[in-house]
Protein backbone atom coordinates (compact mmCIF):
# COMPACT_ATOMS: atom_id res chain seq x y z
CA MET A 1 -31.17 90.36 44.64
CA PRO A 2 -34.21 88.41 46.16
CA PHE A 3 -33.82 84.57 46.00
CA VAL A 4 -37.60 84.49 45.23
CA PRO A 5 -39.15 86.35 42.36
CA GLN A 6 -41.24 89.50 42.83
CA ALA A 7 -44.71 88.73 41.37
CA SER A 8 -46.84 91.17 43.08
CA ASP A 9 -47.17 95.05 43.47
CA ILE A 10 -46.04 94.95 46.96
CA ALA A 11 -43.01 92.56 46.58
CA GLY A 12 -40.67 95.25 45.91
CA THR A 13 -41.52 97.47 48.54
CA VAL A 14 -41.39 94.62 51.19
CA ASP A 15 -37.84 93.64 49.97
CA ASN A 16 -36.58 97.35 50.22
CA VAL A 17 -38.04 97.41 53.82
CA PHE A 18 -36.23 94.13 54.58
CA LEU A 19 -32.92 95.24 52.92
CA TYR A 20 -32.99 98.71 54.61
CA ILE A 21 -33.43 97.05 57.98
CA LEU A 22 -30.80 94.36 57.16
CA ALA A 23 -28.40 97.07 56.08
CA LEU A 24 -28.74 99.17 59.33
CA SER A 25 -28.50 95.98 61.50
CA VAL A 26 -25.28 95.13 59.64
CA ILE A 27 -23.67 98.44 60.10
CA PHE A 28 -24.50 98.54 63.83
CA LEU A 29 -23.09 95.02 64.16
CA VAL A 30 -19.91 95.88 62.36
CA PHE A 31 -19.47 99.15 64.24
CA ILE A 32 -20.23 97.85 67.82
CA THR A 33 -18.16 94.75 67.26
CA GLY A 34 -15.22 97.03 65.86
CA VAL A 35 -15.63 99.33 68.93
CA MET A 36 -15.44 96.19 71.34
CA ILE A 37 -12.35 94.78 69.67
CA TYR A 38 -10.74 98.47 69.75
CA PHE A 39 -11.40 98.83 73.50
CA ALA A 40 -10.41 95.23 74.44
CA VAL A 41 -7.16 95.83 72.69
CA ARG A 42 -6.42 99.54 73.61
CA TYR A 43 -7.22 99.08 77.32
CA ASN A 44 -6.11 95.48 78.14
CA ARG A 45 -4.31 94.87 81.25
CA LYS A 46 -0.94 94.75 79.70
CA ARG A 47 -1.30 98.38 78.52
CA HIS A 48 -3.02 99.39 81.45
CA PRO A 49 -2.13 97.32 84.49
CA ARG A 50 -3.68 99.85 87.01
CA GLY A 51 -7.35 100.97 86.21
CA GLU A 52 -8.29 104.70 85.76
CA ASP A 53 -11.36 106.74 86.22
CA ILE A 54 -12.69 107.94 82.94
CA GLU A 55 -14.80 111.07 83.00
CA GLY A 56 -18.22 111.16 81.12
CA SER A 57 -18.75 112.81 77.71
CA THR A 58 -21.93 114.54 77.34
CA TRP A 59 -21.82 114.83 73.49
CA LEU A 60 -20.74 111.13 73.15
CA GLU A 61 -23.80 110.12 75.27
CA VAL A 62 -26.27 112.41 73.22
CA ALA A 63 -24.86 111.08 70.15
CA TRP A 64 -25.11 107.35 70.86
CA THR A 65 -28.59 107.76 72.08
CA ALA A 66 -29.90 110.33 69.34
CA ILE A 67 -28.45 108.64 66.17
CA PRO A 68 -29.60 105.10 66.96
CA THR A 69 -33.06 106.61 67.76
CA VAL A 70 -33.27 108.38 64.68
CA LEU A 71 -32.12 105.55 62.50
CA PHE A 72 -34.75 103.20 64.09
CA LEU A 73 -37.59 105.61 63.99
CA THR A 74 -36.81 105.64 60.07
CA MET A 75 -37.27 101.85 60.11
CA PHE A 76 -40.52 102.25 61.85
CA VAL A 77 -42.03 104.74 59.75
CA TYR A 78 -40.91 103.02 56.39
CA GLY A 79 -42.23 99.71 57.66
CA TRP A 80 -45.40 101.55 58.93
CA THR A 81 -45.92 102.98 55.89
CA ASN A 82 -45.88 99.95 53.57
CA TYR A 83 -47.87 98.14 56.28
CA SER A 84 -50.59 100.71 56.02
CA TYR A 85 -50.82 100.49 52.21
CA MET A 86 -50.97 96.60 52.56
CA ARG A 87 -54.02 96.83 54.84
CA SER A 88 -55.82 99.23 52.58
CA VAL A 89 -57.84 97.26 50.16
CA PRO A 90 -59.05 98.78 46.87
CA ARG A 91 -62.59 99.00 46.11
CA ASP A 92 -62.41 96.76 42.91
CA ALA A 93 -60.51 94.04 44.54
CA MET A 94 -62.17 90.58 43.98
CA GLU A 95 -62.83 88.69 47.31
CA ILE A 96 -61.79 85.10 47.48
CA THR A 97 -62.39 82.99 50.67
CA VAL A 98 -59.41 80.93 51.70
CA THR A 99 -60.18 78.06 54.03
CA GLY A 100 -57.20 76.39 56.11
CA ARG A 101 -57.57 72.96 57.63
CA GLN A 102 -55.41 69.99 58.43
CA TRP A 103 -53.70 69.69 55.97
CA ALA A 104 -54.99 71.53 52.71
CA TRP A 105 -56.02 74.85 51.46
CA GLY A 106 -59.44 75.47 49.87
CA PHE A 107 -60.55 78.43 47.83
CA THR A 108 -64.04 79.82 47.14
CA TYR A 109 -64.64 82.44 44.62
CA PRO A 110 -67.57 85.04 44.51
CA ASN A 111 -69.50 82.87 42.05
CA GLY A 112 -69.37 79.63 44.06
CA LYS A 113 -66.49 78.15 42.28
CA GLN A 114 -64.12 75.87 44.61
CA THR A 115 -60.59 74.96 43.96
CA THR A 116 -57.66 73.55 45.92
CA GLU A 117 -55.20 75.80 44.05
CA LEU A 118 -55.58 79.78 43.61
CA VAL A 119 -56.15 81.09 40.37
CA LEU A 120 -55.67 84.81 39.80
CA ALA A 121 -56.00 87.36 36.95
CA LEU A 122 -52.75 89.22 36.06
CA ASP A 123 -52.67 92.93 37.28
CA LYS A 124 -55.98 92.63 38.99
CA PRO A 125 -56.22 93.34 42.83
CA VAL A 126 -57.50 90.37 44.91
CA LYS A 127 -58.64 90.35 48.46
CA LEU A 128 -58.13 86.86 50.40
CA ASN A 129 -60.47 86.33 53.28
CA LEU A 130 -58.59 83.87 55.60
CA ARG A 131 -60.26 81.56 58.01
CA SER A 132 -59.58 78.04 59.67
CA LEU A 133 -61.65 74.97 60.41
CA ASP A 134 -59.43 73.46 63.00
CA VAL A 135 -56.06 74.99 64.26
CA ILE A 136 -53.88 78.16 63.35
CA HIS A 137 -52.46 78.14 59.91
CA GLY A 138 -50.02 80.44 58.18
CA PHE A 139 -50.90 81.41 54.86
CA PHE A 140 -47.81 82.33 53.01
CA ILE A 141 -46.93 83.11 49.17
CA PRO A 142 -43.25 83.98 49.06
CA ALA A 143 -43.34 85.36 45.51
CA PHE A 144 -46.20 87.94 46.51
CA ARG A 145 -44.51 88.75 49.91
CA ILE A 146 -47.71 88.04 51.89
CA LYS A 147 -48.05 86.17 55.09
CA GLN A 148 -51.22 86.12 57.28
CA ASP A 149 -52.51 83.79 59.73
CA ALA A 150 -55.76 81.75 59.45
CA VAL A 151 -57.16 81.58 62.96
CA PRO A 152 -60.27 79.57 64.23
CA GLY A 153 -62.97 81.73 65.08
CA GLN A 154 -61.57 84.62 63.55
CA GLU A 155 -61.41 86.09 59.94
CA ASN A 156 -58.13 87.70 58.77
CA TYR A 157 -57.27 89.14 55.41
CA THR A 158 -54.62 90.25 52.88
CA TRP A 159 -54.55 91.79 49.55
CA PHE A 160 -52.28 92.26 46.62
CA THR A 161 -52.10 92.66 42.89
CA PRO A 162 -50.31 89.92 40.93
CA THR A 163 -47.96 91.35 38.49
CA ARG A 164 -46.25 88.16 36.86
CA LEU A 165 -47.47 85.29 34.98
CA GLY A 166 -46.83 81.80 36.34
CA SER A 167 -47.41 79.32 39.24
CA PHE A 168 -46.02 80.16 42.60
CA ASP A 169 -45.85 78.19 45.82
CA ILE A 170 -48.28 78.50 48.75
CA GLU A 171 -47.01 77.38 52.00
CA CYS A 172 -48.15 76.92 55.71
CA THR A 173 -45.71 78.73 58.12
CA VAL A 174 -47.29 77.39 61.35
CA ILE A 175 -46.69 73.77 62.66
CA CYS A 176 -50.24 72.65 62.47
CA GLY A 177 -49.83 68.93 63.07
CA VAL A 178 -48.11 65.65 61.81
CA SER A 179 -48.76 66.58 57.96
CA HIS A 180 -47.91 70.12 58.25
CA ALA A 181 -45.02 69.75 55.71
CA ASP A 182 -47.70 68.62 53.28
CA MET A 183 -49.90 71.66 53.46
CA VAL A 184 -48.77 73.12 50.15
CA SER A 185 -50.62 74.44 47.09
CA LYS A 186 -50.17 76.76 44.07
CA ALA A 187 -51.12 80.17 43.08
CA HIS A 188 -51.68 80.33 39.38
CA VAL A 189 -51.52 83.69 37.77
CA ILE A 190 -53.15 83.88 34.08
CA PRO A 191 -54.16 86.44 31.75
CA VAL A 192 -57.18 88.31 32.34
CA GLU A 193 -59.10 86.88 29.16
CA ASP A 194 -58.08 83.26 30.26
CA PHE A 195 -59.19 84.00 33.85
CA GLN A 196 -62.56 85.38 32.66
CA ALA A 197 -63.36 82.44 30.47
CA TRP A 198 -62.58 80.15 33.39
CA TYR A 199 -64.59 82.14 36.07
CA PHE A 200 -67.63 82.39 33.89
CA SER A 201 -67.66 78.87 32.62
CA GLU A 202 -70.12 76.26 33.89
CA GLU A 203 -67.57 73.99 35.26
CA THR A 204 -67.66 74.78 39.05
CA GLU A 205 -64.57 72.87 40.53
CA SER A 206 -61.93 72.80 37.86
CA LEU A 207 -58.85 74.72 37.20
CA PRO A 208 -58.10 76.49 33.85
CA ALA A 209 -55.18 75.55 31.60
CA PRO A 210 -52.28 75.55 32.30
CA ALA A 211 -53.25 75.67 36.12
CA ALA A 212 -54.75 72.12 35.55
CA ALA A 213 -51.52 70.58 34.55
CA ALA A 214 -50.68 70.78 38.34
CA GLU A 215 -53.35 68.08 39.00
CA GLN A 216 -52.79 65.80 35.94
CA ALA A 217 -50.97 63.26 38.14
CA ALA A 218 -53.89 62.91 40.44
CA ALA A 219 -56.39 63.03 37.66
CA THR A 220 -54.81 59.84 36.08
CA LEU A 221 -56.65 57.92 38.87
CA GLN A 222 -60.28 57.57 37.66
CA PRO A 223 -60.19 61.17 36.23
CA SER A 224 -63.93 61.06 35.04
CA HIS A 225 -65.45 59.64 38.31
CA PRO A 226 -67.49 62.46 39.96
CA GLY A 227 -66.32 60.87 43.48
CA MET A 228 -62.78 61.42 42.69
CA GLU A 229 -63.46 65.00 41.50
CA THR A 230 -65.23 65.60 44.79
CA MET A 231 -62.37 64.20 46.71
CA LYS A 232 -59.86 66.30 45.07
CA ALA A 233 -61.94 69.54 45.32
CA LYS A 234 -62.54 69.04 49.11
CA GLY A 235 -58.87 68.24 49.90
CA CYS A 236 -59.62 64.56 50.93
CA LEU A 237 -56.48 63.27 49.15
CA THR A 238 -54.39 65.43 51.40
CA CYS A 239 -54.79 62.74 54.11
CA HIS A 240 -56.06 59.71 52.37
CA THR A 241 -54.83 57.84 49.30
CA VAL A 242 -56.47 55.76 46.67
CA ASP A 243 -53.54 53.17 45.83
CA GLY A 244 -52.90 51.59 49.20
CA ARG A 245 -50.30 53.78 50.47
CA SER A 246 -50.40 54.80 54.05
CA GLY A 247 -51.22 58.46 54.89
CA VAL A 248 -52.47 60.60 57.91
CA GLY A 249 -55.95 58.76 57.27
CA PRO A 250 -56.48 55.33 55.97
CA THR A 251 -56.22 54.40 52.33
CA PHE A 252 -59.43 54.13 50.47
CA LYS A 253 -58.14 51.15 48.35
CA GLY A 254 -59.82 47.96 49.72
CA LEU A 255 -61.54 49.91 52.44
CA TYR A 256 -65.07 49.15 51.44
CA GLY A 257 -66.47 45.91 53.01
CA LYS A 258 -63.44 45.66 55.22
CA ARG A 259 -63.67 44.88 58.96
CA VAL A 260 -62.12 47.50 61.11
CA THR A 261 -61.63 48.42 64.74
CA VAL A 262 -63.11 51.93 65.68
CA ARG A 263 -62.40 54.00 68.81
CA SER A 264 -65.45 56.09 70.46
CA ALA A 265 -66.29 57.57 73.70
CA SER A 266 -67.84 54.37 74.71
CA GLY A 267 -64.70 52.12 73.81
CA GLU A 268 -63.46 50.10 70.94
CA ARG A 269 -65.41 47.84 68.67
CA GLU A 270 -65.35 46.04 65.34
CA ARG A 271 -67.53 46.94 62.55
CA ALA A 272 -67.86 46.50 58.75
CA VAL A 273 -67.17 49.44 56.48
CA ASP A 274 -70.35 49.78 54.63
CA GLU A 275 -72.41 52.69 53.18
CA ASP A 276 -73.71 53.69 56.78
CA THR A 277 -70.23 53.61 58.23
CA LEU A 278 -68.77 55.87 55.50
CA VAL A 279 -71.66 58.27 55.78
CA ALA A 280 -71.26 58.60 59.39
CA ALA A 281 -67.60 59.05 59.09
CA ILE A 282 -67.98 61.92 56.83
CA ARG A 283 -70.80 63.72 58.63
CA THR A 284 -69.23 63.18 62.10
CA PRO A 285 -65.70 62.03 61.94
CA SER A 286 -64.89 62.65 65.62
CA ALA A 287 -67.61 60.19 66.67
CA GLU A 288 -65.70 57.05 65.76
CA VAL A 289 -61.95 57.08 64.79
CA LEU A 290 -60.38 54.24 63.09
CA LYS A 291 -57.99 52.47 65.47
CA GLY A 292 -54.24 53.29 64.55
CA TYR A 293 -55.03 56.77 63.28
CA PRO A 294 -55.31 60.23 64.95
CA GLN A 295 -58.59 62.04 65.45
CA ALA A 296 -57.55 64.66 62.84
CA MET A 297 -60.45 64.72 60.10
CA PRO A 298 -62.57 67.95 60.33
CA ALA A 299 -66.22 67.88 59.28
CA VAL A 300 -66.07 68.47 55.61
CA PRO A 301 -69.27 70.15 54.22
CA LEU A 302 -70.67 67.65 51.45
CA SER A 303 -74.07 67.54 49.98
CA ASP A 304 -75.92 64.28 49.94
CA ALA A 305 -75.14 63.86 46.18
CA GLU A 306 -71.50 64.49 46.75
CA ILE A 307 -71.25 61.83 49.56
CA LYS A 308 -73.09 59.39 47.46
CA ASP A 309 -70.35 60.17 44.52
CA VAL A 310 -67.65 59.59 46.99
CA ILE A 311 -68.87 56.21 48.43
CA GLU A 312 -69.52 54.88 45.13
CA PHE A 313 -66.09 55.80 43.88
CA ILE A 314 -64.47 53.99 47.19
CA LYS A 315 -66.53 50.98 46.13
CA THR A 316 -64.50 50.82 42.96
CA LEU A 317 -61.15 50.78 44.73
CA ARG A 318 -60.59 47.06 45.30
């Protein structure tokens, strides 16, 4: 029995291929180990102090070549058949763009909605177009049995049909930096009616109930402020905090108006964190980096209005 639930149409076949290969491997391991032990005992030096020549056996040589070859070819055919199915996307699949960056996932739907957690309709096929803004990330949903790399400068894809309601873990399987372990998210599978109501609603960056429950903890911090909502949607809180705790990047609490030391190509200098400083940090994060922190922030696409909302929110974090 699998330790992770089967929540997609391909999960069962992936498990079957894995178990088939595992069973053959165990059988060969036991057989070969048993033969080794038998010969070690049967032909040890005490039983045969003087070595003897052993004539070859044609049928035995054919057997130990042909049988493993046939069995391993069945493994290949079984795996290739399922792989081919997993690469043949149905025409009616909804296409969702998955963007990986250090250290968060972002999801963009055909109508422009953006979320930090994946929302799916039950029993409806979906194609995920994967891309990365910085380094290689491994997009993995164990319950769906899908894993595909998001590679900079290259677009990969995977597809599946969710067959079970619930929330399922999304992980990154490639070590992508100091906060690789924090690059997690959720896939929420909801009834078709609920998905349609959410998808065609006017709210562009919200999650449907009960998916929104996963973000309630973050929402308790200034939940109605548009700057907070923008930072949640764009994944800013993956590296930054709003309560003074340290993270990959500096905390936003008490940051505005503070004098800090920044590093650039021309050296180090001290400056006050004002509106111009924050705008520059968002637009060109690699130009100047706060001393004591890595140069890890990618350029996040924000509109002028979104940047203004974010800065106004940071001003309130005293």
